[in-house]
PDB file of N, CA and C in Angstrom:
ATOM      1  N   MET A   1      37.586  53.645  61.231  1.00  0.00           N
ATOM      2  CA  MET A   1      38.755  53.819  60.416  1.00  0.00           C
ATOM      3  C   MET A   1      39.693  52.640  60.509  1.00  0.00           C
ATOM      4  N   LYS A   2      39.671  52.013  61.637  1.00  0.00           N
ATOM      5  CA  LYS A   2      40.581  50.892  61.820  1.00  0.00           C
ATOM      6  C   LYS A   2      40.272  49.768  60.829  1.00  0.00           C
ATOM      7  N   ILE A   3      38.976  49.524  60.550  1.00  0.00           N
ATOM      8  CA  ILE A   3      38.588  48.438  59.644  1.00  0.00           C
ATOM      9  C   ILE A   3      39.027  48.772  58.224  1.00  0.00           C
ATOM     10  N   SER A   4      38.799  49.983  57.760  1.00  0.00           N
ATOM     11  CA  SER A   4      39.189  50.362  56.413  1.00  0.00           C
ATOM     12  C   SER A   4      40.702  50.352  56.258  1.00  0.00           C
ATOM     13  N   ASN A   5      41.439  50.726  57.300  1.00  0.00           N
ATOM     14  CA  ASN A   5      42.902  50.654  57.254  1.00  0.00           C
ATOM     15  C   ASN A   5      43.358  49.201  57.180  1.00  0.00           C
ATOM     16  N   ALA A   6      42.683  48.323  57.904  1.00  0.00           N
ATOM     17  CA  ALA A   6      43.032  46.905  57.891  1.00  0.00           C
ATOM     18  C   ALA A   6      42.757  46.293  56.518  1.00  0.00           C
ATOM     19  N   ILE A   7      41.654  46.720  55.922  1.00  0.00           N
ATOM     20  CA  ILE A   7      41.315  46.211  54.577  1.00  0.00           C
ATOM     21  C   ILE A   7      42.335  46.730  53.576  1.00  0.00           C
ATOM     22  N   ALA A   8      42.672  47.995  53.661  1.00  0.00           N
ATOM     23  CA  ALA A   8      43.643  48.580  52.742  1.00  0.00           C
ATOM     24  C   ALA A   8      44.988  47.879  52.871  1.00  0.00           C
ATOM     25  N   ARG A   9      45.448  47.606  54.081  1.00  0.00           N
ATOM     26  CA  ARG A   9      46.723  46.894  54.273  1.00  0.00           C
ATOM     27  C   ARG A   9      46.649  45.474  53.722  1.00  0.00           C
ATOM     28  N   PHE A  10      45.477  44.830  53.937  1.00  0.00           N
ATOM     29  CA  PHE A  10      45.313  43.451  53.435  1.00  0.00           C
ATOM     30  C   PHE A  10      45.383  43.429  51.905  1.00  0.00           C
ATOM     31  N   VAL A  11      44.706  44.383  51.276  1.00  0.00           N
ATOM     32  CA  VAL A  11      44.699  44.464  49.812  1.00  0.00           C
ATOM     33  C   VAL A  11      46.099  44.757  49.303  1.00  0.00           C
ATOM     34  N   GLU A  12      46.815  45.660  49.955  1.00  0.00           N
ATOM     35  CA  GLU A  12      48.176  45.989  49.525  1.00  0.00           C
ATOM     36  C   GLU A  12      49.110  44.799  49.678  1.00  0.00           C
ATOM     37  N   SER A  13      48.961  44.049  50.750  1.00  0.00           N
ATOM     38  CA  SER A  13      49.879  42.937  50.977  1.00  0.00           C
ATOM     39  C   SER A  13      49.516  41.690  50.163  1.00  0.00           C
ATOM     40  N   HIS A  14      48.280  41.584  49.724  1.00  0.00           N
ATOM     41  CA  HIS A  14      47.845  40.401  48.963  1.00  0.00           C
ATOM     42  C   HIS A  14      47.278  40.798  47.596  1.00  0.00           C
ATOM     43  N   ALA A  15      47.811  41.785  46.970  1.00  0.00           N
ATOM     44  CA  ALA A  15      47.296  42.312  45.705  1.00  0.00           C
ATOM     45  C   ALA A  15      47.329  41.254  44.602  1.00  0.00           C
ATOM     46  N   PHE A  16      48.415  40.540  44.470  1.00  0.00           N
ATOM     47  CA  PHE A  16      48.532  39.532  43.407  1.00  0.00           C
ATOM     48  C   PHE A  16      47.490  38.422  43.590  1.00  0.00           C
ATOM     49  N   GLN A  17      47.357  37.914  44.840  1.00  0.00           N
ATOM     50  CA  GLN A  17      46.410  36.840  45.096  1.00  0.00           C
ATOM     51  C   GLN A  17      44.970  37.293  44.831  1.00  0.00           C
ATOM     52  N   LEU A  18      44.635  38.512  45.250  1.00  0.00           N
ATOM     53  CA  LEU A  18      43.279  39.023  45.010  1.00  0.00           C
ATOM     54  C   LEU A  18      43.018  39.208  43.520  1.00  0.00           C
ATOM     55  N   THR A  19      44.020  39.736  42.808  1.00  0.00           N
ATOM     56  CA  THR A  19      43.865  39.911  41.358  1.00  0.00           C
ATOM     57  C   THR A  19      43.672  38.564  40.679  1.00  0.00           C
ATOM     58  N   ALA A  20      44.443  37.570  41.082  1.00  0.00           N
ATOM     59  CA  ALA A  20      44.320  36.240  40.495  1.00  0.00           C
ATOM     60  C   ALA A  20      42.946  35.644  40.774  1.00  0.00           C
ATOM     61  N   GLN A  21      42.429  35.825  41.983  1.00  0.00           N
ATOM     62  CA  GLN A  21      41.118  35.283  42.323  1.00  0.00           C
ATOM     63  C   GLN A  21      40.014  35.989  41.547  1.00  0.00           C
ATOM     64  N   VAL A  22      40.117  37.312  41.415  1.00  0.00           N
ATOM     65  CA  VAL A  22      39.116  38.062  40.653  1.00  0.00           C
ATOM     66  C   VAL A  22      39.136  37.621  39.193  1.00  0.00           C
ATOM     67  N   LEU A  23      40.324  37.461  38.614  1.00  0.00           N
ATOM     68  CA  LEU A  23      40.429  37.010  37.217  1.00  0.00           C
ATOM     69  C   LEU A  23      39.902  35.585  37.054  1.00  0.00           C
ATOM     70  N   THR A  24      40.153  34.733  38.046  1.00  0.00           N
ATOM     71  CA  THR A  24      39.644  33.363  37.994  1.00  0.00           C
ATOM     72  C   THR A  24      38.123  33.353  38.014  1.00  0.00           C
ATOM     73  N   VAL A  25      37.535  34.129  38.903  1.00  0.00           N
ATOM     74  CA  VAL A  25      36.069  34.218  38.965  1.00  0.00           C
ATOM     75  C   VAL A  25      35.519  34.778  37.657  1.00  0.00           C
ATOM     76  N   ALA A  26      36.167  35.807  37.109  1.00  0.00           N
ATOM     77  CA  ALA A  26      35.729  36.377  35.828  1.00  0.00           C
ATOM     78  C   ALA A  26      35.835  35.340  34.717  1.00  0.00           C
ATOM     79  N   GLY A  27      36.902  34.549  34.726  1.00  0.00           N
ATOM     80  CA  GLY A  27      37.063  33.490  33.724  1.00  0.00           C
ATOM     81  C   GLY A  27      35.993  32.422  33.851  1.00  0.00           C
ATOM     82  N   LEU A  28      35.665  32.060  35.074  1.00  0.00           N
ATOM     83  CA  LEU A  28      34.609  31.071  35.295  1.00  0.00           C
ATOM     84  C   LEU A  28      33.249  31.595  34.829  1.00  0.00           C
ATOM     85  N   LEU A  29      32.971  32.866  35.107  1.00  0.00           N
ATOM     86  CA  LEU A  29      31.716  33.464  34.640  1.00  0.00           C
ATOM     87  C   LEU A  29      31.671  33.516  33.118  1.00  0.00           C
ATOM     88  N   LEU A  30      32.789  33.864  32.498  1.00  0.00           N
ATOM     89  CA  LEU A  30      32.855  33.885  31.037  1.00  0.00           C
ATOM     90  C   LEU A  30      32.651  32.484  30.465  1.00  0.00           C
ATOM     91  N   ALA A  31      33.283  31.487  31.071  1.00  0.00           N
ATOM     92  CA  ALA A  31      33.119  30.108  30.610  1.00  0.00           C
ATOM     93  C   ALA A  31      31.678  29.646  30.757  1.00  0.00           C
ATOM     94  N   ALA A  32      31.036  30.013  31.848  1.00  0.00           N
ATOM     95  CA  ALA A  32      29.633  29.649  32.052  1.00  0.00           C
ATOM     96  C   ALA A  32      28.745  30.313  31.001  1.00  0.00           C
ATOM     97  N   TYR A  33      29.041  31.569  30.688  1.00  0.00           N
ATOM     98  CA  TYR A  33      28.264  32.284  29.671  1.00  0.00           C
ATOM     99  C   TYR A  33      28.430  31.637  28.291  1.00  0.00           C
ATOM    100  N   VAL A  34      29.666  31.365  27.923  1.00  0.00           N
ATOM    101  CA  VAL A  34      29.934  30.743  26.621  1.00  0.00           C
ATOM    102  C   VAL A  34      29.269  29.376  26.543  1.00  0.00           C
ATOM    103  N   THR A  35      29.332  28.602  27.615  1.00  0.00           N
ATOM    104  CA  THR A  35      28.699  27.281  27.645  1.00  0.00           C
ATOM    105  C   THR A  35      27.195  27.400  27.478  1.00  0.00           C
ATOM    106  N   SER A  36      26.605  28.376  28.144  1.00  0.00           N
ATOM    107  CA  SER A  36      25.152  28.547  28.026  1.00  0.00           C
ATOM    108  C   SER A  36      24.757  28.955  26.615  1.00  0.00           C
ATOM    109  N   ARG A  37      25.623  29.675  25.929  1.00  0.00           N
ATOM    110  CA  ARG A  37      25.326  30.088  24.548  1.00  0.00           C
ATOM    111  C   ARG A  37      25.540  28.948  23.560  1.00  0.00           C
ATOM    112  N   LEU A  38      26.494  28.057  23.853  1.00  0.00           N
ATOM    113  CA  LEU A  38      26.806  26.960  22.932  1.00  0.00           C
ATOM    114  C   LEU A  38      25.960  25.714  23.173  1.00  0.00           C
ATOM    115  N   ALA A  39      25.350  25.588  24.328  1.00  0.00           N
ATOM    116  CA  ALA A  39      24.571  24.387  24.654  1.00  0.00           C
ATOM    117  C   ALA A  39      23.443  24.143  23.648  1.00  0.00           C
ATOM    118  N   PRO A  40      22.635  25.151  23.285  1.00  0.00           N
ATOM    119  CA  PRO A  40      21.588  24.896  22.287  1.00  0.00           C
ATOM    120  C   PRO A  40      22.167  24.474  20.936  1.00  0.00           C
ATOM    121  N   LEU A  41      23.295  25.053  20.573  1.00  0.00           N
ATOM    122  CA  LEU A  41      23.934  24.691  19.311  1.00  0.00           C
ATOM    123  C   LEU A  41      24.370  23.231  19.338  1.00  0.00           C
ATOM    124  N   SER A  42      24.920  22.807  20.438  1.00  0.00           N
ATOM    125  CA  SER A  42      25.373  21.429  20.580  1.00  0.00           C
ATOM    126  C   SER A  42      24.204  20.459  20.488  1.00  0.00           C
ATOM    127  N   SER A  43      23.109  20.763  21.173  1.00  0.00           N
ATOM    128  CA  SER A  43      21.953  19.867  21.116  1.00  0.00           C
ATOM    129  C   SER A  43      21.342  19.879  19.725  1.00  0.00           C
ATOM    130  N   SER A  44      21.372  21.032  19.052  1.00  0.00           N
ATOM    131  CA  SER A  44      20.862  21.123  17.689  1.00  0.00           C
ATOM    132  C   SER A  44      21.709  20.270  16.748  1.00  0.00           C
ATOM    133  N   LEU A  45      23.027  20.312  16.915  1.00  0.00           N
ATOM    134  CA  LEU A  45      23.907  19.487  16.086  1.00  0.00           C
ATOM    135  C   LEU A  45      23.649  18.002  16.319  1.00  0.00           C
ATOM    136  N   ALA A  46      23.453  17.624  17.572  1.00  0.00           N
ATOM    137  CA  ALA A  46      23.171  16.221  17.882  1.00  0.00           C
ATOM    138  C   ALA A  46      21.847  15.789  17.261  1.00  0.00           C
ATOM    139  N   GLU A  47      20.861  16.660  17.294  1.00  0.00           N
ATOM    140  CA  GLU A  47      19.562  16.352  16.700  1.00  0.00           C
ATOM    141  C   GLU A  47      19.683  16.194  15.190  1.00  0.00           C
ATOM    142  N   HIS A  48      20.426  17.106  14.545  1.00  0.00           N
ATOM    143  CA  HIS A  48      20.619  17.010  13.094  1.00  0.00           C
ATOM    144  C   HIS A  48      21.390  15.740  12.734  1.00  0.00           C
ATOM    145  N   ASP A  49      22.376  15.391  13.523  1.00  0.00           N
ATOM    146  CA  ASP A  49      23.134  14.170  13.285  1.00  0.00           C
ATOM    147  C   ASP A  49      22.223  12.957  13.374  1.00  0.00           C
ATOM    148  N   PHE A  50      21.348  12.919  14.361  1.00  0.00           N
ATOM    149  CA  PHE A  50      20.401  11.811  14.516  1.00  0.00           C
ATOM    150  C   PHE A  50      19.472  11.724  13.308  1.00  0.00           C
ATOM    151  N   ARG A  51      18.979  12.878  12.853  1.00  0.00           N
ATOM    152  CA  ARG A  51      18.074  12.886  11.691  1.00  0.00           C
ATOM    153  C   ARG A  51      18.795  12.420  10.429  1.00  0.00           C
ATOM    154  N   ILE A  52      20.036  12.850  10.250  1.00  0.00           N
ATOM    155  CA  ILE A  52      20.802  12.435   9.071  1.00  0.00           C
ATOM    156  C   ILE A  52      21.012  10.923   9.081  1.00  0.00           C
ATOM    157  N   LYS A  53      21.354  10.372  10.248  1.00  0.00           N
ATOM    158  CA  LYS A  53      21.537   8.921  10.341  1.00  0.00           C
ATOM    159  C   LYS A  53      20.241   8.187  10.051  1.00  0.00           C
ATOM    160  N   ALA A  54      19.115   8.731  10.507  1.00  0.00           N
ATOM    161  CA  ALA A  54      17.811   8.105  10.234  1.00  0.00           C
ATOM    162  C   ALA A  54      17.503   8.133   8.742  1.00  0.00           C
ATOM    163  N   ILE A  55      17.801   9.237   8.079  1.00  0.00           N
ATOM    164  CA  ILE A  55      17.566   9.341   6.632  1.00  0.00           C
ATOM    165  C   ILE A  55      18.464   8.362   5.881  1.00  0.00           C
ATOM    166  N   GLU A  56      19.736   8.274   6.288  1.00  0.00           N
ATOM    167  CA  GLU A  56      20.655   7.336   5.638  1.00  0.00           C
ATOM    168  C   GLU A  56      20.184   5.899   5.821  1.00  0.00           C
ATOM    169  N   THR A  57      19.687   5.576   7.005  1.00  0.00           N
ATOM    170  CA  THR A  57      19.169   4.234   7.258  1.00  0.00           C
ATOM    171  C   THR A  57      17.962   3.958   6.378  1.00  0.00           C
ATOM    172  N   ARG A  58      17.051   4.934   6.302  1.00  0.00           N
ATOM    173  CA  ARG A  58      15.851   4.764   5.475  1.00  0.00           C
ATOM    174  C   ARG A  58      16.230   4.611   4.001  1.00  0.00           C
ATOM    175  N   ASN A  59      17.167   5.434   3.526  1.00  0.00           N
ATOM    176  CA  ASN A  59      17.575   5.336   2.127  1.00  0.00           C
ATOM    177  C   ASN A  59      18.257   4.010   1.841  1.00  0.00           C
ATOM    178  N   GLY A  60      19.041   3.530   2.783  1.00  0.00           N
ATOM    179  CA  GLY A  60      19.691   2.232   2.603  1.00  0.00           C
ATOM    180  C   GLY A  60      18.679   1.108   2.526  1.00  0.00           C
ATOM    181  N   ALA A  61      17.583   1.247   3.257  1.00  0.00           N
ATOM    182  CA  ALA A  61      16.550   0.214   3.251  1.00  0.00           C
ATOM    183  C   ALA A  61      15.730   0.246   1.968  1.00  0.00           C
ATOM    184  N   THR A  62      15.682   1.375   1.274  1.00  0.00           N
ATOM    185  CA  THR A  62      14.861   1.463   0.064  1.00  0.00           C
ATOM    186  C   THR A  62      15.586   0.968  -1.184  1.00  0.00           C
ATOM    187  N   GLU A  63      16.901   0.856  -1.141  1.00  0.00           N
ATOM    188  CA  GLU A  63      17.633   0.410  -2.331  1.00  0.00           C
ATOM    189  C   GLU A  63      17.205  -0.981  -2.789  1.00  0.00           C
ATOM    190  N   PRO A  64      17.089  -1.979  -1.896  1.00  0.00           N
ATOM    191  CA  PRO A  64      16.605  -3.289  -2.352  1.00  0.00           C
ATOM    192  C   PRO A  64      15.179  -3.216  -2.885  1.00  0.00           C
ATOM    193  N   LEU A  65      14.359  -2.336  -2.311  1.00  0.00           N
ATOM    194  CA  LEU A  65      12.987  -2.188  -2.795  1.00  0.00           C
ATOM    195  C   LEU A  65      12.969  -1.636  -4.215  1.00  0.00           C
ATOM    196  N   ILE A  66      13.862  -0.700  -4.494  1.00  0.00           N
ATOM    197  CA  ILE A  66      13.935  -0.136  -5.843  1.00  0.00           C
ATOM    198  C   ILE A  66      14.347  -1.215  -6.842  1.00  0.00           C
ATOM    199  N   GLU A  67      15.332  -2.023  -6.463  1.00  0.00           N
ATOM    200  CA  GLU A  67      15.762  -3.108  -7.344  1.00  0.00           C
ATOM    201  C   GLU A  67      14.613  -4.078  -7.600  1.00  0.00           C
ATOM    202  N   ARG A  68      13.884  -4.438  -6.539  1.00  0.00           N
ATOM    203  CA  ARG A  68      12.739  -5.352  -6.716  1.00  0.00           C
ATOM    204  C   ARG A  68      11.669  -4.716  -7.580  1.00  0.00           C
ATOM    205  N   PHE A  69      11.431  -3.406  -7.406  1.00  0.00           N
ATOM    206  CA  PHE A  69      10.433  -2.712  -8.218  1.00  0.00           C
ATOM    207  C   PHE A  69      10.804  -2.780  -9.695  1.00  0.00           C
ATOM    208  N   LEU A  70      12.087  -2.573 -10.001  1.00  0.00           N
ATOM    209  CA  LEU A  70      12.528  -2.626 -11.396  1.00  0.00           C
ATOM    210  C   LEU A  70      12.336  -4.021 -11.977  1.00  0.00           C
ATOM    211  N   VAL A  71      12.604  -5.054 -11.179  1.00  0.00           N
ATOM    212  CA  VAL A  71      12.411  -6.431 -11.641  1.00  0.00           C
ATOM    213  C   VAL A  71      10.937  -6.690 -11.908  1.00  0.00           C
ATOM    214  N   VAL A  72      10.073  -6.267 -10.992  1.00  0.00           N
ATOM    215  CA  VAL A  72       8.626  -6.472 -11.158  1.00  0.00           C
ATOM    216  C   VAL A  72       8.119  -5.693 -12.361  1.00  0.00           C
ATOM    217  N   GLU A  73       8.633  -4.480 -12.544  1.00  0.00           N
ATOM    218  CA  GLU A  73       8.211  -3.677 -13.692  1.00  0.00           C
ATOM    219  C   GLU A  73       8.597  -4.368 -15.002  1.00  0.00           C
ATOM    220  N   THR A  74       9.791  -4.942 -15.052  1.00  0.00           N
ATOM    221  CA  THR A  74      10.221  -5.682 -16.247  1.00  0.00           C
ATOM    222  C   THR A  74       9.329  -6.902 -16.468  1.00  0.00           C
ATOM    223  N   GLN A  75       9.027  -7.617 -15.394  1.00  0.00           N
ATOM    224  CA  GLN A  75       8.155  -8.779 -15.501  1.00  0.00           C
ATOM    225  C   GLN A  75       6.758  -8.378 -15.981  1.00  0.00           C
ATOM    226  N   GLU A  76       6.268  -7.247 -15.494  1.00  0.00           N
ATOM    227  CA  GLU A  76       4.955  -6.772 -15.926  1.00  0.00           C
ATOM    228  C   GLU A  76       4.960  -6.454 -17.416  1.00  0.00           C
ATOM    229  N   GLN A  77       6.010  -5.799 -17.890  1.00  0.00           N
ATOM    230  CA  GLN A  77       6.098  -5.475 -19.314  1.00  0.00           C
ATOM    231  C   GLN A  77       6.169  -6.755 -20.148  1.00  0.00           C
ATOM    232  N   ASN A  78       6.937  -7.735 -19.668  1.00  0.00           N
ATOM    233  CA  ASN A  78       7.014  -9.013 -20.380  1.00  0.00           C
ATOM    234  C   ASN A  78       5.656  -9.697 -20.411  1.00  0.00           C
ATOM    235  N   THR A  79       4.908  -9.629 -19.312  1.00  0.00           N
ATOM    236  CA  THR A  79       3.574 -10.223 -19.263  1.00  0.00           C
ATOM    237  C   THR A  79       2.643  -9.516 -20.238  1.00  0.00           C
ATOM    238  N   ARG A  80       2.715  -8.203 -20.316  1.00  0.00           N
ATOM    239  CA  ARG A  80       1.883  -7.459 -21.276  1.00  0.00           C
ATOM    240  C   ARG A  80       2.232  -7.857 -22.708  1.00  0.00           C
ATOM    241  N   ASP A  81       3.530  -8.008 -22.981  1.00  0.00           N
ATOM    242  CA  ASP A  81       3.941  -8.442 -24.320  1.00  0.00           C
ATOM    243  C   ASP A  81       3.389  -9.828 -24.624  1.00  0.00           C
ATOM    244  N   ASP A  82       3.444 -10.735 -23.642  1.00  0.00           N
ATOM    245  CA  ASP A  82       2.911 -12.091 -23.821  1.00  0.00           C
ATOM    246  C   ASP A  82       1.409 -12.049 -24.079  1.00  0.00           C
ATOM    247  N   ILE A  83       0.689 -11.180 -23.365  1.00  0.00           N
ATOM    248  CA  ILE A  83      -0.758 -11.063 -23.563  1.00  0.00           C
ATOM    249  C   ILE A  83      -1.061 -10.571 -24.971  1.00  0.00           C
ATOM    250  N   GLU A  84      -0.300  -9.584 -25.439  1.00  0.00           N
ATOM    251  CA  GLU A  84      -0.501  -9.080 -26.802  1.00  0.00           C
ATOM    252  C   GLU A  84      -0.205 -10.181 -27.830  1.00  0.00           C
ATOM    253  N   GLU A  85       0.826 -10.965 -27.578  1.00  0.00           N
ATOM    254  CA  GLU A  85       1.171 -12.065 -28.484  1.00  0.00           C
ATOM    255  C   GLU A  85       0.062 -13.118 -28.494  1.00  0.00           C
ATOM    256  N   ILE A  86      -0.484 -13.401 -27.326  1.00  0.00           N
ATOM    257  CA  ILE A  86      -1.581 -14.375 -27.240  1.00  0.00           C
ATOM    258  C   ILE A  86      -2.814 -13.845 -27.953  1.00  0.00           C
ATOM    259  N   LYS A  87      -3.104 -12.544 -27.795  1.00  0.00           N
ATOM    260  CA  LYS A  87      -4.247 -11.944 -28.492  1.00  0.00           C
ATOM    261  C   LYS A  87      -4.058 -12.049 -30.004  1.00  0.00           C
ATOM    262  N   GLY A  88      -2.823 -11.773 -30.451  1.00  0.00           N
ATOM    263  CA  GLY A  88      -2.545 -11.893 -31.892  1.00  0.00           C
ATOM    264  C   GLY A  88      -2.721 -13.328 -32.362  1.00  0.00           C
ATOM    265  N   GLY A  89      -2.254 -14.300 -31.561  1.00  0.00           N
ATOM    266  CA  GLY A  89      -2.426 -15.708 -31.918  1.00  0.00           C
ATOM    267  C   GLY A  89      -3.884 -16.107 -31.922  1.00  0.00           C
ATOM    268  N   MET A  90      -4.664 -15.600 -30.987  1.00  0.00           N
ATOM    269  CA  MET A  90      -6.098 -15.901 -30.936  1.00  0.00           C
ATOM    270  C   MET A  90      -6.804 -15.334 -32.160  1.00  0.00           C
ATOM    271  N   LYS A  91      -6.374 -14.157 -32.592  1.00  0.00           N
ATOM    272  CA  LYS A  91      -6.985 -13.535 -33.766  1.00  0.00           C
ATOM    273  C   LYS A  91      -6.716 -14.389 -35.015  1.00  0.00           C
ATOM    274  N   GLU A  92      -5.463 -14.848 -35.137  1.00  0.00           N
ATOM    275  CA  GLU A  92      -5.118 -15.712 -36.268  1.00  0.00           C
ATOM    276  C   GLU A  92      -5.899 -17.015 -36.208  1.00  0.00           C
ATOM    277  N   LEU A  93      -6.013 -17.576 -35.018  1.00  0.00           N
ATOM    278  CA  LEU A  93      -6.739 -18.828 -34.851  1.00  0.00           C
ATOM    279  C   LEU A  93      -8.211 -18.646 -35.200  1.00  0.00           C
ATOM    280  N   ASN A  94      -8.812 -17.555 -34.782  1.00  0.00           N
ATOM    281  CA  ASN A  94     -10.219 -17.278 -35.118  1.00  0.00           C
ATOM    282  C   ASN A  94     -10.389 -17.109 -36.619  1.00  0.00           C
ATOM    283  N   GLN A  95      -9.433 -16.467 -37.267  1.00  0.00           N
ATOM    284  CA  GLN A  95      -9.515 -16.302 -38.719  1.00  0.00           C
ATOM    285  C   GLN A  95      -9.436 -17.661 -39.424  1.00  0.00           C
ATOM    286  N   LYS A  96      -8.569 -18.534 -38.960  1.00  0.00           N
ATOM    287  CA  LYS A  96      -8.444 -19.864 -39.555  1.00  0.00           C
ATOM    288  C   LYS A  96      -9.711 -20.675 -39.332  1.00  0.00           C
ATOM    289  N   ILE A  97     -10.288 -20.545 -38.152  1.00  0.00           N
ATOM    290  CA  ILE A  97     -11.540 -21.264 -37.868  1.00  0.00           C
ATOM    291  C   ILE A  97     -12.645 -20.754 -38.769  1.00  0.00           C
ATOM    292  N   ASP A  98     -12.715 -19.433 -38.948  1.00  0.00           N
ATOM    293  CA  ASP A  98     -13.729 -18.850 -39.828  1.00  0.00           C
ATOM    294  C   ASP A  98     -13.563 -19.370 -41.261  1.00  0.00           C
ATOM    295  N   ARG A  99     -12.309 -19.473 -41.751  1.00  0.00           N
ATOM    296  CA  ARG A  99     -12.082 -19.985 -43.113  1.00  0.00           C
ATOM    297  C   ARG A  99     -12.500 -21.453 -43.235  1.00  0.00           C
ATOM    298  N   VAL A 100     -12.209 -22.223 -42.214  1.00  0.00           N
ATOM    299  CA  VAL A 100     -12.590 -23.657 -42.237  1.00  0.00           C
ATOM    300  C   VAL A 100     -14.114 -23.772 -42.225  1.00  0.00           C
ATOM    301  N   LEU A 101     -14.800 -22.950 -41.424  1.00  0.00           N
ATOM    302  CA  LEU A 101     -16.254 -23.012 -41.355  1.00  0.00           C
ATOM    303  C   LEU A 101     -16.881 -22.551 -42.664  1.00  0.00           C
ATOM    304  N   GLU A 102     -16.261 -21.607 -43.364  1.00  0.00           N
ATOM    305  CA  GLU A 102     -16.776 -21.137 -44.638  1.00  0.00           C
ATOM    306  C   GLU A 102     -16.704 -22.238 -45.690  1.00  0.00           C
ATOM    307  N   LYS A 103     -15.664 -23.061 -45.597  1.00  0.00           N
ATOM    308  CA  LYS A 103     -15.484 -24.146 -46.572  1.00  0.00           C
ATOM    309  C   LYS A 103     -16.512 -25.249 -46.352  1.00  0.00           C
ATOM    310  N   LEU A 104     -17.012 -25.389 -45.171  1.00  0.00           N
ATOM    311  CA  LEU A 104     -17.982 -26.449 -44.883  1.00  0.00           C
ATOM    312  C   LEU A 104     -19.296 -26.084 -45.393  1.00  0.00           C
TER     313      LEU A 104
END
């Protein structure tokens, strides 16, 4: 009985300090729980941020390629037009040669 009486007197005389310590421990446990729940979210956000930056970098690198592609495509179309013009000129030239040979 002496031990339980001593504990009861200690609790009565230090009630505020014990309550503060219990609340502090409860707060620390709550903070640890919240941190454990938010940690995966934080790492997920960091991963998404890294992926977004990688996509932005890749897209930035493709813009000059798109411009070059458009230039090459225009050059290709111009070359096709030149080939058609040359074919038309060759056809006219062959017709003129045929007329000259007919006259001979």
